[in-house]
Amino acid sequence: MELEARLQRLEARLAALEQASRAPSIPPEGTLWALEHLRKNAQPGGEVVFAGQAEVASGTWGWQWGLPVNLLLNRPWTEVAESLAALAHPVRLEILRAVLNGKSSSQALQHLADIGTTGQLYHHLKELQSAGWLKAGKRGSYTVPPERIIPLLVILSAAGGEALATLSET
């Protein structure tokens, strides 16, 4: 039963990734251009859209995604609990930030503050890989999959964008 549920989650994630496309490099005119576009074109009941372009150590990545509100409200949210739970630890967030900033080897990650023992580091890396936030590469290196970069940054922005922006101003 659990294997079937995991397979369904993986198939849903794969379908979502296949529908993703690159974000436009030049936004339309106006300060609320995305909201204005949604008002004119959204499905009945509304739609949630997020997009971004990010320059990180692994390259420049653009991504956009949208879902009808009705679909979001009528599907079980428990399906995303594992993915969110993997992000719900300060050390894991620091690992992801470090990888996006170019510290991709397990040796470099071991030197991060508050990382703990090597065993603890590998536990966190395993959790992030299992949830799809990290991919293991050659010789103990890690990357954030390109299709996960913008969603990660959107989650961080939604969870504490104002607090993060305030920190950068001081």
Protein backbone atom coordinates (compact mmCIF):
# COMPACT_ATOMS: atom_id res chain seq x y z
CA MET A 1 0.00 0.00 0.00
CA GLU A 2 2.75 2.47 0.95
CA LEU A 3 4.69 1.61 -2.21
CA GLU A 4 1.61 2.35 -4.33
CA ALA A 5 1.09 5.72 -2.59
CA ARG A 6 4.75 6.64 -3.10
CA LEU A 7 4.51 5.66 -6.77
CA GLN A 8 1.42 7.86 -7.20
CA ARG A 9 3.25 10.78 -5.54
CA LEU A 10 6.24 10.28 -7.81
CA GLU A 11 4.03 10.13 -10.89
CA ALA A 12 2.27 13.33 -9.82
CA ARG A 13 5.60 15.07 -9.25
CA LEU A 14 6.88 13.89 -12.62
CA ALA A 15 3.75 15.15 -14.37
CA ALA A 16 4.13 18.52 -12.65
CA LEU A 17 7.77 18.79 -13.68
CA GLU A 18 6.98 17.87 -17.27
CA GLN A 19 4.45 20.69 -17.47
CA ALA A 20 6.89 23.30 -16.12
CA SER A 21 8.42 25.75 -18.53
CA ARG A 22 11.02 28.51 -18.37
CA ALA A 23 9.98 31.84 -16.91
CA PRO A 24 9.93 34.80 -19.30
CA SER A 25 13.10 36.86 -19.09
CA ILE A 26 11.32 40.22 -19.48
CA PRO A 27 8.10 40.73 -17.50
CA PRO A 28 5.24 42.71 -19.04
CA GLU A 29 4.85 46.37 -18.06
CA GLY A 30 3.20 47.31 -14.78
CA THR A 31 3.87 46.60 -11.14
CA LEU A 32 1.17 43.94 -10.76
CA TRP A 33 1.55 42.41 -14.22
CA ALA A 34 1.23 38.82 -13.00
CA LEU A 35 -1.91 39.56 -10.99
CA GLU A 36 -3.44 41.47 -13.90
CA HIS A 37 -2.71 38.53 -16.19
CA LEU A 38 -4.38 36.15 -13.72
CA ARG A 39 -7.45 38.37 -13.40
CA LYS A 40 -7.90 38.19 -17.16
CA ASN A 41 -6.95 34.55 -17.71
CA ALA A 42 -7.36 32.54 -14.51
CA GLN A 43 -9.56 29.50 -14.36
CA PRO A 44 -12.88 29.75 -12.50
CA GLY A 45 -12.22 29.78 -8.77
CA GLY A 46 -8.81 31.38 -9.21
CA GLU A 47 -5.31 30.21 -9.83
CA VAL A 48 -2.02 30.30 -7.94
CA VAL A 49 1.07 30.96 -10.03
CA PHE A 50 4.71 31.31 -9.09
CA ALA A 51 7.74 31.95 -11.22
CA GLY A 52 11.28 33.10 -10.97
CA GLN A 53 14.71 33.32 -12.47
CA ALA A 54 17.75 32.69 -10.32
CA GLU A 55 21.48 32.89 -10.88
CA VAL A 56 23.14 30.37 -8.57
CA ALA A 57 26.45 28.55 -8.59
CA SER A 58 25.12 25.85 -10.92
CA GLY A 59 23.85 28.32 -13.54
CA THR A 60 20.91 30.56 -14.39
CA TRP A 61 17.54 28.91 -14.05
CA GLY A 62 14.02 30.05 -14.83
CA TRP A 63 10.84 28.28 -13.92
CA GLN A 64 7.11 28.88 -13.67
CA TRP A 65 4.17 26.88 -12.44
CA GLY A 66 0.52 27.38 -11.72
CA LEU A 67 -2.41 25.42 -10.33
CA PRO A 68 -6.15 26.13 -10.06
CA VAL A 69 -7.24 26.99 -6.53
CA ASN A 70 -10.04 24.40 -6.70
CA LEU A 71 -7.50 21.66 -7.35
CA LEU A 72 -5.31 22.83 -4.46
CA LEU A 73 -8.24 22.93 -2.05
CA ASN A 74 -9.63 19.55 -3.06
CA ARG A 75 -6.49 17.41 -3.03
CA PRO A 76 -5.02 15.93 0.16
CA TRP A 77 -2.18 18.11 1.42
CA THR A 78 -0.67 15.13 3.18
CA GLU A 79 0.93 14.26 -0.18
CA VAL A 80 3.37 17.17 0.22
CA ALA A 81 4.11 16.64 3.92
CA GLU A 82 7.34 14.70 3.30
CA SER A 83 8.71 17.40 1.02
CA LEU A 84 7.86 20.17 3.48
CA ALA A 85 9.12 18.17 6.45
CA ALA A 86 12.52 17.82 4.79
CA LEU A 87 12.75 21.63 4.75
CA ALA A 88 11.61 22.01 8.35
CA HIS A 89 15.09 21.81 9.86
CA PRO A 90 17.54 24.73 10.11
CA VAL A 91 20.55 22.57 9.21
CA ARG A 92 18.87 21.26 6.07
CA LEU A 93 17.98 24.77 4.97
CA GLU A 94 21.59 25.81 5.54
CA ILE A 95 22.79 22.83 3.48
CA LEU A 96 20.52 23.83 0.59
CA ARG A 97 21.67 27.46 0.81
CA ALA A 98 25.30 26.36 0.80
CA VAL A 99 24.80 24.08 -2.21
CA LEU A 100 23.06 26.86 -4.15
CA ASN A 101 26.03 29.10 -3.31
CA GLY A 102 28.55 26.59 -4.68
CA LYS A 103 29.53 24.46 -1.68
CA SER A 104 28.57 21.19 -3.29
CA SER A 105 30.92 18.61 -1.80
CA SER A 106 30.22 16.71 1.39
CA GLN A 107 33.64 17.84 2.60
CA ALA A 108 32.71 21.53 2.17
CA LEU A 109 29.30 20.95 3.74
CA GLN A 110 30.89 19.28 6.77
CA HIS A 111 32.53 22.61 7.66
CA LEU A 112 29.24 24.52 7.89
CA ALA A 113 28.38 25.90 11.32
CA ASP A 114 26.17 23.69 13.51
CA ILE A 115 26.34 20.77 11.06
CA GLY A 116 27.21 18.25 13.76
CA THR A 117 28.94 14.96 13.10
CA THR A 118 29.58 13.39 9.71
CA GLY A 119 26.77 10.95 10.48
CA GLN A 120 24.38 13.82 11.15
CA LEU A 121 25.38 15.52 7.90
CA TYR A 122 24.69 12.35 5.91
CA HIS A 123 21.35 11.93 7.68
CA HIS A 124 20.32 15.44 6.57
CA LEU A 125 21.62 14.84 3.04
CA LYS A 126 19.63 11.61 2.83
CA GLU A 127 16.44 13.35 3.97
CA LEU A 128 16.88 16.11 1.39
CA GLN A 129 17.59 13.57 -1.36
CA SER A 130 14.60 11.44 -0.41
CA ALA A 131 12.31 14.46 -0.68
CA GLY A 132 13.82 15.50 -4.03
CA TRP A 133 15.52 18.70 -2.81
CA LEU A 134 19.05 17.38 -3.50
CA LYS A 135 20.67 15.05 -6.00
CA ALA A 136 23.90 13.21 -5.32
CA GLY A 137 26.57 13.52 -7.97
CA LYS A 138 30.04 12.16 -8.47
CA ARG A 139 32.61 12.03 -5.69
CA GLY A 140 30.33 13.15 -2.88
CA SER A 141 28.99 16.24 -4.59
CA TYR A 142 25.42 17.48 -4.41
CA THR A 143 23.18 19.74 -6.48
CA VAL A 144 19.74 21.19 -6.06
CA PRO A 145 17.85 19.93 -9.13
CA PRO A 146 17.13 22.84 -11.49
CA GLU A 147 13.38 22.22 -11.34
CA ARG A 148 13.49 22.61 -7.54
CA ILE A 149 15.49 25.86 -7.31
CA ILE A 150 12.65 28.35 -7.93
CA PRO A 151 10.09 26.38 -5.87
CA LEU A 152 12.55 26.34 -2.96
CA LEU A 153 13.10 30.08 -3.22
CA VAL A 154 9.33 30.65 -3.49
CA ILE A 155 8.72 28.59 -0.34
CA LEU A 156 11.36 30.60 1.51
CA SER A 157 9.91 33.87 0.24
CA ALA A 158 6.38 32.87 1.24
CA ALA A 159 7.47 31.62 4.65
CA GLY A 160 9.54 34.63 5.61
CA GLY A 161 10.20 36.95 2.71
CA GLU A 162 9.67 40.12 4.74
CA ALA A 163 11.89 38.90 7.55
CA LEU A 164 14.60 37.83 5.09
CA ALA A 165 14.41 41.18 3.27
CA THR A 166 14.67 43.07 6.57
CA LEU A 167 17.77 41.07 7.53
CA SER A 168 19.51 42.14 4.31
CA GLU A 169 18.78 45.82 5.00
CA THR A 170 20.60 45.87 8.35
